[in-house]
Amino acid sequence: SILYKGTTYVPIRKVSEMLDLPVQWDGETKTVWIGAVEMDIKNAAGEVIGNAVFSQGDGGVNVRISASQLTPGEHGFHLHQNPIEGNDFSTAGGHYNPHGKKHGHHNPEGHHLGDLNNLLVEADGTVVADVFIEGATLERGHELSVWGKSLIIHAGPDDGMSDPAGNSGDRIAGGSLVE
């Protein structure tokens, strides 16, 4: 147990300071995450097909995504600027781009913070991938926080260059980190 000022009722902010790890609370589900935060990945029908686990790394955020029921091959994968409302992936808005860059890792003018590497889905429709979002943070309220954003999986591969979204096609799955 954790004691703070003689009690086991410890404010989450203090637990985070004491452990030197991010601690997150979801008031709706009464869930506490220490060191990492998990989101469900859902398809357009609202069915959970996987999850993404976020943890703070040096200079950015680590994401481990695991999903199934996807079409084999490469799929564009991006951090979008808004949370998904209902199962309408269009509500996620554009790629998260706080620095006003162009799209794609191959773009000489730089890339969006939300431009992530393509996911490679196996023949059985599953993917497990580790992604690093350089420059992002799990710190709530920070201008580069991933809170209030969404991850989107697209139908096709991202070409790494075409602005604004890499010609990666329809949005077929996603999840949100809702504050």
N, C-alpha and C. Protein backbone atom coordinates (compact mmCIF):
# COMPACT_ATOMS: atom_id res chain seq x y z
N SER A 1 0.84 -1.18 0.00
CA SER A 1 0.00 0.00 0.00
C SER A 1 0.87 1.24 0.00
N ILE A 2 0.29 2.33 -0.39
CA ILE A 2 1.00 3.61 -0.43
C ILE A 2 0.41 4.49 0.68
N LEU A 3 1.29 5.02 1.51
CA LEU A 3 0.85 5.94 2.56
C LEU A 3 1.33 7.33 2.25
N TYR A 4 0.45 8.30 2.47
CA TYR A 4 0.77 9.70 2.26
C TYR A 4 0.11 10.49 3.38
N LYS A 5 0.94 11.17 4.14
CA LYS A 5 0.43 11.96 5.28
C LYS A 5 -0.48 11.13 6.18
N GLY A 6 -0.06 9.86 6.43
CA GLY A 6 -0.76 9.01 7.37
C GLY A 6 -2.02 8.35 6.86
N THR A 7 -2.30 8.41 5.57
CA THR A 7 -3.53 7.81 5.03
C THR A 7 -3.21 7.01 3.77
N THR A 8 -4.07 6.04 3.47
CA THR A 8 -3.91 5.30 2.21
C THR A 8 -4.70 5.96 1.09
N TYR A 9 -5.50 6.99 1.41
CA TYR A 9 -6.15 7.78 0.38
C TYR A 9 -5.13 8.79 -0.11
N VAL A 10 -4.59 8.53 -1.29
CA VAL A 10 -3.51 9.34 -1.82
C VAL A 10 -3.97 9.96 -3.14
N PRO A 11 -3.91 11.28 -3.27
CA PRO A 11 -4.27 11.89 -4.55
C PRO A 11 -3.40 11.32 -5.68
N ILE A 12 -4.03 11.09 -6.82
CA ILE A 12 -3.33 10.50 -7.96
C ILE A 12 -2.10 11.32 -8.33
N ARG A 13 -2.21 12.62 -8.27
CA ARG A 13 -1.07 13.49 -8.58
C ARG A 13 0.12 13.15 -7.68
N LYS A 14 -0.15 12.89 -6.39
CA LYS A 14 0.92 12.55 -5.44
C LYS A 14 1.49 11.16 -5.71
N VAL A 15 0.63 10.20 -6.09
CA VAL A 15 1.12 8.86 -6.43
C VAL A 15 2.09 8.97 -7.59
N SER A 16 1.73 9.76 -8.58
CA SER A 16 2.60 9.95 -9.74
C SER A 16 3.95 10.53 -9.32
N GLU A 17 3.92 11.54 -8.45
CA GLU A 17 5.17 12.14 -7.97
C GLU A 17 5.99 11.15 -7.17
N MET A 18 5.34 10.37 -6.30
CA MET A 18 6.04 9.41 -5.45
C MET A 18 6.69 8.29 -6.25
N LEU A 19 6.01 7.81 -7.29
CA LEU A 19 6.52 6.71 -8.11
C LEU A 19 7.37 7.18 -9.28
N ASP A 20 7.32 8.47 -9.58
CA ASP A 20 7.97 9.04 -10.75
C ASP A 20 7.52 8.33 -12.03
N LEU A 21 6.21 8.04 -12.08
CA LEU A 21 5.57 7.42 -13.23
C LEU A 21 4.25 8.13 -13.49
N PRO A 22 3.82 8.17 -14.74
CA PRO A 22 2.50 8.75 -14.98
C PRO A 22 1.42 7.85 -14.38
N VAL A 23 0.46 8.44 -13.71
CA VAL A 23 -0.67 7.72 -13.15
C VAL A 23 -1.93 8.38 -13.71
N GLN A 24 -2.79 7.58 -14.29
CA GLN A 24 -4.00 8.11 -14.92
C GLN A 24 -5.22 7.47 -14.30
N TRP A 25 -6.29 8.23 -14.18
CA TRP A 25 -7.55 7.78 -13.59
C TRP A 25 -8.66 7.97 -14.59
N ASP A 26 -9.45 6.92 -14.82
CA ASP A 26 -10.64 7.01 -15.66
C ASP A 26 -11.84 6.97 -14.72
N GLY A 27 -12.45 8.13 -14.51
CA GLY A 27 -13.56 8.24 -13.58
C GLY A 27 -14.76 7.41 -13.98
N GLU A 28 -14.97 7.22 -15.28
CA GLU A 28 -16.13 6.47 -15.74
C GLU A 28 -16.01 4.99 -15.39
N THR A 29 -14.84 4.40 -15.65
CA THR A 29 -14.65 2.97 -15.38
C THR A 29 -14.00 2.71 -14.03
N LYS A 30 -13.59 3.78 -13.33
CA LYS A 30 -12.91 3.70 -12.02
C LYS A 30 -11.59 2.91 -12.15
N THR A 31 -10.91 3.10 -13.29
CA THR A 31 -9.66 2.40 -13.56
C THR A 31 -8.48 3.33 -13.33
N VAL A 32 -7.42 2.78 -12.74
CA VAL A 32 -6.17 3.52 -12.55
C VAL A 32 -5.08 2.82 -13.35
N TRP A 33 -4.33 3.60 -14.11
CA TRP A 33 -3.17 3.07 -14.84
C TRP A 33 -1.92 3.68 -14.24
N ILE A 34 -0.93 2.86 -14.00
CA ILE A 34 0.35 3.35 -13.49
C ILE A 34 1.41 3.04 -14.53
N GLY A 35 2.02 4.08 -15.07
CA GLY A 35 3.11 3.93 -16.03
C GLY A 35 2.67 3.76 -17.46
N ALA A 36 1.44 3.32 -17.68
CA ALA A 36 0.95 3.11 -19.04
C ALA A 36 -0.55 3.33 -19.06
N VAL A 37 -1.07 3.65 -20.24
CA VAL A 37 -2.50 3.87 -20.45
C VAL A 37 -2.94 3.02 -21.63
N GLU A 38 -4.09 2.39 -21.49
CA GLU A 38 -4.58 1.51 -22.54
C GLU A 38 -5.86 2.05 -23.16
N MET A 39 -5.98 1.91 -24.47
CA MET A 39 -7.22 2.27 -25.18
C MET A 39 -7.68 1.07 -26.00
N ASP A 40 -8.98 0.94 -26.15
CA ASP A 40 -9.54 -0.07 -27.05
C ASP A 40 -9.44 0.43 -28.49
N ILE A 41 -9.20 -0.49 -29.39
CA ILE A 41 -9.27 -0.23 -30.83
C ILE A 41 -10.55 -0.90 -31.31
N LYS A 42 -11.42 -0.11 -31.98
CA LYS A 42 -12.70 -0.62 -32.45
C LYS A 42 -12.82 -0.49 -33.96
N ASN A 43 -13.62 -1.37 -34.56
CA ASN A 43 -13.92 -1.24 -35.99
C ASN A 43 -15.13 -0.32 -36.16
N ALA A 44 -15.57 -0.12 -37.38
CA ALA A 44 -16.66 0.82 -37.66
C ALA A 44 -17.98 0.39 -37.05
N ALA A 45 -18.13 -0.90 -36.72
CA ALA A 45 -19.34 -1.39 -36.09
C ALA A 45 -19.30 -1.20 -34.56
N GLY A 46 -18.17 -0.69 -34.06
CA GLY A 46 -18.03 -0.48 -32.63
C GLY A 46 -17.54 -1.69 -31.86
N GLU A 47 -17.13 -2.73 -32.57
CA GLU A 47 -16.62 -3.95 -31.92
C GLU A 47 -15.15 -3.76 -31.58
N VAL A 48 -14.76 -4.17 -30.38
CA VAL A 48 -13.36 -4.09 -29.97
C VAL A 48 -12.57 -5.16 -30.71
N ILE A 49 -11.55 -4.71 -31.46
CA ILE A 49 -10.72 -5.64 -32.23
C ILE A 49 -9.27 -5.63 -31.75
N GLY A 50 -8.99 -4.85 -30.71
CA GLY A 50 -7.62 -4.81 -30.20
C GLY A 50 -7.45 -3.70 -29.19
N ASN A 51 -6.18 -3.38 -28.92
CA ASN A 51 -5.89 -2.29 -27.99
C ASN A 51 -4.56 -1.64 -28.33
N ALA A 52 -4.35 -0.49 -27.73
CA ALA A 52 -3.07 0.21 -27.83
C ALA A 52 -2.68 0.60 -26.41
N VAL A 53 -1.43 0.36 -26.07
CA VAL A 53 -0.91 0.70 -24.75
C VAL A 53 0.12 1.81 -24.92
N PHE A 54 -0.10 2.93 -24.23
CA PHE A 54 0.76 4.10 -24.30
C PHE A 54 1.61 4.17 -23.04
N SER A 55 2.91 4.45 -23.21
CA SER A 55 3.78 4.70 -22.06
C SER A 55 4.74 5.82 -22.42
N GLN A 56 5.12 6.59 -21.41
CA GLN A 56 6.04 7.70 -21.65
C GLN A 56 7.44 7.15 -21.85
N GLY A 57 8.11 7.61 -22.89
CA GLY A 57 9.50 7.25 -23.15
C GLY A 57 10.35 8.51 -23.12
N ASP A 58 11.64 8.33 -23.33
CA ASP A 58 12.54 9.48 -23.41
C ASP A 58 12.30 10.21 -24.72
N GLY A 59 11.77 11.42 -24.64
CA GLY A 59 11.57 12.24 -25.83
C GLY A 59 10.33 11.92 -26.63
N GLY A 60 9.41 11.13 -26.06
CA GLY A 60 8.19 10.82 -26.79
C GLY A 60 7.36 9.76 -26.10
N VAL A 61 6.36 9.26 -26.81
CA VAL A 61 5.43 8.27 -26.27
C VAL A 61 5.58 6.97 -27.04
N ASN A 62 5.71 5.87 -26.28
CA ASN A 62 5.74 4.53 -26.86
C ASN A 62 4.31 4.02 -26.99
N VAL A 63 4.00 3.37 -28.10
CA VAL A 63 2.68 2.78 -28.30
C VAL A 63 2.88 1.34 -28.77
N ARG A 64 2.24 0.41 -28.08
CA ARG A 64 2.20 -0.98 -28.54
C ARG A 64 0.77 -1.25 -28.95
N ILE A 65 0.59 -1.55 -30.23
CA ILE A 65 -0.75 -1.82 -30.75
C ILE A 65 -0.87 -3.30 -31.08
N SER A 66 -1.99 -3.87 -30.69
CA SER A 66 -2.34 -5.25 -31.00
C SER A 66 -3.77 -5.22 -31.52
N ALA A 67 -3.99 -5.79 -32.70
CA ALA A 67 -5.33 -5.79 -33.27
C ALA A 67 -5.52 -7.02 -34.15
N SER A 68 -6.78 -7.34 -34.42
CA SER A 68 -7.11 -8.47 -35.27
C SER A 68 -8.26 -8.06 -36.19
N GLN A 69 -8.70 -8.99 -37.03
CA GLN A 69 -9.83 -8.78 -37.95
C GLN A 69 -9.55 -7.68 -38.98
N LEU A 70 -8.28 -7.50 -39.33
CA LEU A 70 -7.90 -6.51 -40.34
C LEU A 70 -7.52 -7.23 -41.63
N THR A 71 -7.55 -6.51 -42.73
CA THR A 71 -7.13 -7.05 -44.02
C THR A 71 -5.60 -7.17 -44.03
N PRO A 72 -5.06 -8.31 -44.46
CA PRO A 72 -3.59 -8.45 -44.52
C PRO A 72 -2.96 -7.39 -45.41
N GLY A 73 -1.74 -7.00 -45.06
CA GLY A 73 -0.99 -6.02 -45.83
C GLY A 73 -0.71 -4.76 -45.03
N GLU A 74 -0.24 -3.73 -45.72
CA GLU A 74 0.11 -2.48 -45.06
C GLU A 74 -1.10 -1.56 -44.90
N HIS A 75 -1.12 -0.89 -43.76
CA HIS A 75 -2.19 0.05 -43.45
C HIS A 75 -1.60 1.33 -42.89
N GLY A 76 -2.07 2.48 -43.39
CA GLY A 76 -1.69 3.75 -42.80
C GLY A 76 -2.14 3.79 -41.35
N PHE A 77 -1.35 4.45 -40.52
CA PHE A 77 -1.61 4.49 -39.08
C PHE A 77 -1.20 5.87 -38.60
N HIS A 78 -2.14 6.59 -37.99
CA HIS A 78 -1.87 7.98 -37.63
C HIS A 78 -2.48 8.36 -36.28
N LEU A 79 -1.87 9.35 -35.65
CA LEU A 79 -2.45 10.01 -34.48
C LEU A 79 -3.24 11.19 -35.01
N HIS A 80 -4.54 11.23 -34.73
CA HIS A 80 -5.41 12.29 -35.21
C HIS A 80 -5.71 13.29 -34.10
N GLN A 81 -6.11 14.50 -34.49
CA GLN A 81 -6.19 15.64 -33.58
C GLN A 81 -7.36 15.62 -32.60
N ASN A 82 -8.40 14.83 -32.85
CA ASN A 82 -9.58 14.82 -31.99
C ASN A 82 -9.94 13.40 -31.58
N PRO A 83 -10.71 13.26 -30.50
CA PRO A 83 -11.23 11.93 -30.17
C PRO A 83 -12.33 11.55 -31.16
N ILE A 84 -12.57 10.26 -31.27
CA ILE A 84 -13.64 9.73 -32.12
C ILE A 84 -14.95 9.84 -31.36
N GLU A 85 -15.98 10.33 -32.02
CA GLU A 85 -17.31 10.42 -31.40
C GLU A 85 -18.18 9.32 -31.98
N GLY A 86 -18.74 8.49 -31.09
CA GLY A 86 -19.51 7.33 -31.55
C GLY A 86 -18.57 6.41 -32.30
N ASN A 87 -19.01 5.93 -33.43
CA ASN A 87 -18.15 5.11 -34.30
C ASN A 87 -17.84 5.84 -35.59
N ASP A 88 -17.93 7.16 -35.57
CA ASP A 88 -17.70 7.97 -36.75
C ASP A 88 -16.24 8.43 -36.78
N PHE A 89 -15.41 7.71 -37.51
CA PHE A 89 -13.98 8.00 -37.53
C PHE A 89 -13.66 9.37 -38.14
N SER A 90 -14.59 9.92 -38.92
CA SER A 90 -14.33 11.24 -39.50
C SER A 90 -14.25 12.33 -38.42
N THR A 91 -14.86 12.08 -37.25
CA THR A 91 -14.82 13.06 -36.17
C THR A 91 -13.43 13.21 -35.56
N ALA A 92 -12.52 12.31 -35.91
CA ALA A 92 -11.14 12.39 -35.41
C ALA A 92 -10.38 13.56 -36.05
N GLY A 93 -10.94 14.15 -37.09
CA GLY A 93 -10.27 15.28 -37.76
C GLY A 93 -9.03 14.82 -38.51
N GLY A 94 -8.15 15.77 -38.76
CA GLY A 94 -6.91 15.49 -39.48
C GLY A 94 -5.83 14.93 -38.57
N HIS A 95 -4.69 14.68 -39.18
CA HIS A 95 -3.54 14.19 -38.40
C HIS A 95 -3.13 15.25 -37.38
N TYR A 96 -2.66 14.81 -36.25
CA TYR A 96 -2.19 15.73 -35.23
C TYR A 96 -0.94 16.43 -35.77
N ASN A 97 -1.02 17.75 -35.89
CA ASN A 97 0.03 18.52 -36.57
C ASN A 97 0.25 19.86 -35.87
N PRO A 98 0.72 19.85 -34.61
CA PRO A 98 0.85 21.10 -33.86
C PRO A 98 1.91 22.05 -34.40
N HIS A 99 2.81 21.56 -35.24
CA HIS A 99 3.90 22.40 -35.75
C HIS A 99 3.66 22.88 -37.18
N GLY A 100 2.49 22.57 -37.76
CA GLY A 100 2.15 23.05 -39.10
C GLY A 100 3.03 22.49 -40.20
N LYS A 101 3.44 21.23 -40.09
CA LYS A 101 4.29 20.59 -41.10
C LYS A 101 3.45 19.99 -42.22
N LYS A 102 4.12 19.45 -43.22
CA LYS A 102 3.47 18.73 -44.30
C LYS A 102 3.34 17.26 -43.90
N HIS A 103 2.68 16.46 -44.73
CA HIS A 103 2.50 15.05 -44.40
C HIS A 103 3.66 14.20 -44.90
N GLY A 104 4.00 13.20 -44.12
CA GLY A 104 4.86 12.13 -44.57
C GLY A 104 6.30 12.19 -44.12
N HIS A 105 6.80 11.04 -43.74
CA HIS A 105 8.20 10.93 -43.31
C HIS A 105 9.18 11.18 -44.45
N HIS A 106 8.72 11.07 -45.69
CA HIS A 106 9.59 11.32 -46.85
C HIS A 106 9.48 12.76 -47.36
N ASN A 107 8.68 13.56 -46.71
CA ASN A 107 8.47 14.94 -47.15
C ASN A 107 9.64 15.81 -46.69
N PRO A 108 10.32 16.50 -47.60
CA PRO A 108 11.48 17.32 -47.22
C PRO A 108 11.11 18.51 -46.33
N GLU A 109 9.82 18.87 -46.25
CA GLU A 109 9.38 19.98 -45.41
C GLU A 109 9.02 19.52 -43.99
N GLY A 110 9.31 18.26 -43.68
CA GLY A 110 9.00 17.74 -42.37
C GLY A 110 7.66 17.02 -42.36
N HIS A 111 7.33 16.37 -41.25
CA HIS A 111 6.11 15.58 -41.17
C HIS A 111 5.28 15.95 -39.95
N HIS A 112 4.00 15.59 -40.00
CA HIS A 112 3.09 15.80 -38.88
C HIS A 112 3.58 14.99 -37.68
N LEU A 113 3.33 15.48 -36.49
CA LEU A 113 3.65 14.71 -35.29
C LEU A 113 2.84 13.41 -35.30
N GLY A 114 1.66 13.45 -35.89
CA GLY A 114 0.80 12.27 -35.95
C GLY A 114 1.09 11.30 -37.06
N ASP A 115 2.10 11.56 -37.89
CA ASP A 115 2.46 10.62 -38.96
C ASP A 115 3.25 9.46 -38.37
N LEU A 116 2.67 8.28 -38.39
CA LEU A 116 3.31 7.09 -37.85
C LEU A 116 3.61 6.13 -38.98
N ASN A 117 4.47 5.16 -38.71
CA ASN A 117 4.81 4.18 -39.73
C ASN A 117 3.61 3.29 -40.04
N ASN A 118 3.56 2.78 -41.28
CA ASN A 118 2.49 1.85 -41.66
C ASN A 118 2.51 0.63 -40.75
N LEU A 119 1.32 0.08 -40.51
CA LEU A 119 1.21 -1.19 -39.81
C LEU A 119 1.25 -2.30 -40.84
N LEU A 120 1.94 -3.39 -40.54
CA LEU A 120 1.97 -4.55 -41.43
C LEU A 120 1.12 -5.64 -40.79
N VAL A 121 -0.05 -5.87 -41.37
CA VAL A 121 -0.98 -6.87 -40.86
C VAL A 121 -0.65 -8.22 -41.47
N GLU A 122 -0.56 -9.23 -40.62
CA GLU A 122 -0.21 -10.59 -41.05
C GLU A 122 -1.35 -11.23 -41.85
N ALA A 123 -1.07 -12.37 -42.47
CA ALA A 123 -2.04 -13.08 -43.30
C ALA A 123 -3.30 -13.46 -42.52
N ASP A 124 -3.16 -13.66 -41.20
CA ASP A 124 -4.32 -14.04 -40.38
C ASP A 124 -5.12 -12.83 -39.89
N GLY A 125 -4.76 -11.63 -40.35
CA GLY A 125 -5.50 -10.42 -40.00
C GLY A 125 -5.09 -9.78 -38.69
N THR A 126 -3.96 -10.22 -38.12
CA THR A 126 -3.50 -9.66 -36.85
C THR A 126 -2.27 -8.77 -37.04
N VAL A 127 -2.11 -7.87 -36.10
CA VAL A 127 -0.92 -7.03 -36.07
C VAL A 127 -0.53 -6.78 -34.63
N VAL A 128 0.75 -6.83 -34.36
CA VAL A 128 1.34 -6.38 -33.09
C VAL A 128 2.52 -5.53 -33.50
N ALA A 129 2.53 -4.28 -33.09
CA ALA A 129 3.59 -3.37 -33.51
C ALA A 129 3.92 -2.39 -32.39
N ASP A 130 5.18 -2.01 -32.33
CA ASP A 130 5.64 -0.98 -31.41
C ASP A 130 5.95 0.27 -32.20
N VAL A 131 5.39 1.40 -31.76
CA VAL A 131 5.52 2.67 -32.46
C VAL A 131 6.01 3.70 -31.45
N PHE A 132 6.82 4.65 -31.90
CA PHE A 132 7.30 5.73 -31.05
C PHE A 132 6.82 7.05 -31.65
N ILE A 133 6.13 7.86 -30.84
CA ILE A 133 5.66 9.17 -31.29
C ILE A 133 6.62 10.20 -30.72
N GLU A 134 7.63 10.52 -31.51
CA GLU A 134 8.69 11.43 -31.06
C GLU A 134 8.13 12.82 -30.79
N GLY A 135 8.47 13.36 -29.64
CA GLY A 135 8.05 14.71 -29.28
C GLY A 135 6.73 14.79 -28.54
N ALA A 136 5.95 13.71 -28.53
CA ALA A 136 4.66 13.71 -27.83
C ALA A 136 4.87 13.39 -26.36
N THR A 137 3.82 13.60 -25.57
CA THR A 137 3.89 13.30 -24.14
C THR A 137 2.56 12.77 -23.64
N LEU A 138 2.61 12.04 -22.52
CA LEU A 138 1.40 11.60 -21.82
C LEU A 138 0.97 12.60 -20.76
N GLU A 139 1.71 13.68 -20.62
CA GLU A 139 1.38 14.67 -19.61
C GLU A 139 0.09 15.40 -19.99
N ARG A 140 -0.92 15.27 -19.14
CA ARG A 140 -2.20 15.94 -19.41
C ARG A 140 -1.99 17.45 -19.41
N GLY A 141 -2.67 18.13 -20.33
CA GLY A 141 -2.61 19.58 -20.39
C GLY A 141 -1.41 20.14 -21.14
N HIS A 142 -0.43 19.32 -21.44
CA HIS A 142 0.76 19.77 -22.20
C HIS A 142 0.35 19.97 -23.65
N GLU A 143 0.94 20.97 -24.32
CA GLU A 143 0.55 21.26 -25.71
C GLU A 143 0.82 20.10 -26.67
N LEU A 144 1.70 19.17 -26.31
CA LEU A 144 2.01 18.04 -27.18
C LEU A 144 1.50 16.71 -26.61
N SER A 145 0.48 16.80 -25.75
CA SER A 145 -0.08 15.61 -25.10
C SER A 145 -0.90 14.79 -26.08
N VAL A 146 -0.85 13.46 -25.92
CA VAL A 146 -1.67 12.56 -26.74
C VAL A 146 -3.09 12.44 -26.18
N TRP A 147 -3.33 12.99 -24.98
CA TRP A 147 -4.68 12.96 -24.41
C TRP A 147 -5.61 13.81 -25.28
N GLY A 148 -6.82 13.28 -25.50
CA GLY A 148 -7.79 13.98 -26.33
C GLY A 148 -7.56 13.74 -27.82
N LYS A 149 -6.66 12.82 -28.15
CA LYS A 149 -6.36 12.49 -29.54
C LYS A 149 -6.87 11.08 -29.84
N SER A 150 -6.75 10.65 -31.08
CA SER A 150 -7.16 9.30 -31.45
C SER A 150 -6.13 8.66 -32.37
N LEU A 151 -6.10 7.35 -32.35
CA LEU A 151 -5.32 6.56 -33.30
C LEU A 151 -6.28 6.04 -34.36
N ILE A 152 -5.89 6.13 -35.61
CA ILE A 152 -6.72 5.66 -36.72
C ILE A 152 -5.91 4.71 -37.59
N ILE A 153 -6.54 3.58 -37.93
CA ILE A 153 -5.98 2.64 -38.91
C ILE A 153 -6.74 2.84 -40.20
N HIS A 154 -6.01 2.98 -41.31
CA HIS A 154 -6.61 3.22 -42.62
C HIS A 154 -6.65 1.94 -43.45
N ALA A 155 -7.46 1.95 -44.50
CA ALA A 155 -7.65 0.77 -45.35
C ALA A 155 -6.41 0.41 -46.15
N GLY A 156 -5.63 1.40 -46.58
CA GLY A 156 -4.46 1.13 -47.41
C GLY A 156 -3.20 1.71 -46.80
N PRO A 157 -2.09 1.49 -47.48
CA PRO A 157 -0.82 2.01 -46.98
C PRO A 157 -0.68 3.52 -47.17
N ASP A 158 0.07 4.14 -46.29
CA ASP A 158 0.43 5.56 -46.40
C ASP A 158 1.65 5.63 -47.30
N ASP A 159 1.61 6.50 -48.31
CA ASP A 159 2.74 6.61 -49.24
C ASP A 159 3.89 7.44 -48.67
N GLY A 160 3.71 8.00 -47.49
CA GLY A 160 4.79 8.73 -46.82
C GLY A 160 5.09 10.11 -47.39
N MET A 161 4.26 10.60 -48.31
CA MET A 161 4.59 11.86 -48.96
C MET A 161 3.38 12.74 -49.27
N SER A 162 2.31 12.15 -49.79
CA SER A 162 1.17 12.93 -50.26
C SER A 162 0.50 13.68 -49.11
N ASP A 163 0.31 14.98 -49.32
CA ASP A 163 -0.31 15.82 -48.31
C ASP A 163 -1.81 15.88 -48.61
N PRO A 164 -2.71 15.77 -47.67
CA PRO A 164 -2.47 15.84 -46.23
C PRO A 164 -2.43 14.50 -45.51
N ALA A 165 -2.75 13.36 -46.20
CA ALA A 165 -2.92 12.11 -45.44
C ALA A 165 -2.23 10.89 -46.04
N GLY A 166 -1.40 11.05 -47.05
CA GLY A 166 -0.65 9.92 -47.59
C GLY A 166 -1.42 8.95 -48.44
N ASN A 167 -2.60 9.36 -48.94
CA ASN A 167 -3.42 8.50 -49.79
C ASN A 167 -3.65 7.12 -49.18
N SER A 168 -3.90 7.09 -47.87
CA SER A 168 -4.03 5.81 -47.18
C SER A 168 -5.46 5.28 -47.12
N GLY A 169 -6.39 5.98 -47.73
CA GLY A 169 -7.74 5.45 -47.86
C GLY A 169 -8.64 5.65 -46.65
N ASP A 170 -9.73 4.90 -46.67
CA ASP A 170 -10.76 5.03 -45.64
C ASP A 170 -10.21 4.72 -44.25
N ARG A 171 -10.89 5.28 -43.27
CA ARG A 171 -10.58 5.02 -41.86
C ARG A 171 -11.39 3.79 -41.45
N ILE A 172 -10.71 2.71 -41.07
CA ILE A 172 -11.41 1.45 -40.81
C ILE A 172 -11.44 1.03 -39.35
N ALA A 173 -10.57 1.61 -38.51
CA ALA A 173 -10.54 1.24 -37.09
C ALA A 173 -9.86 2.37 -36.33
N GLY A 174 -10.12 2.40 -35.03
CA GLY A 174 -9.46 3.43 -34.23
C GLY A 174 -9.89 3.41 -32.78
N GLY A 175 -9.26 4.28 -32.03
CA GLY A 175 -9.56 4.43 -30.61
C GLY A 175 -9.13 5.81 -30.15
N SER A 176 -9.63 6.22 -28.99
CA SER A 176 -9.35 7.56 -28.47
C SER A 176 -8.82 7.51 -27.04
N LEU A 177 -7.96 8.46 -26.71
CA LEU A 177 -7.55 8.70 -25.33
C LEU A 177 -8.35 9.91 -24.86
N VAL A 178 -9.47 9.64 -24.24
CA VAL A 178 -10.37 10.72 -23.83
C VAL A 178 -9.97 11.22 -22.47
N GLU A 179 -9.89 12.56 -22.34
CA GLU A 179 -9.51 13.16 -21.07
C GLU A 179 -10.64 13.10 -20.08
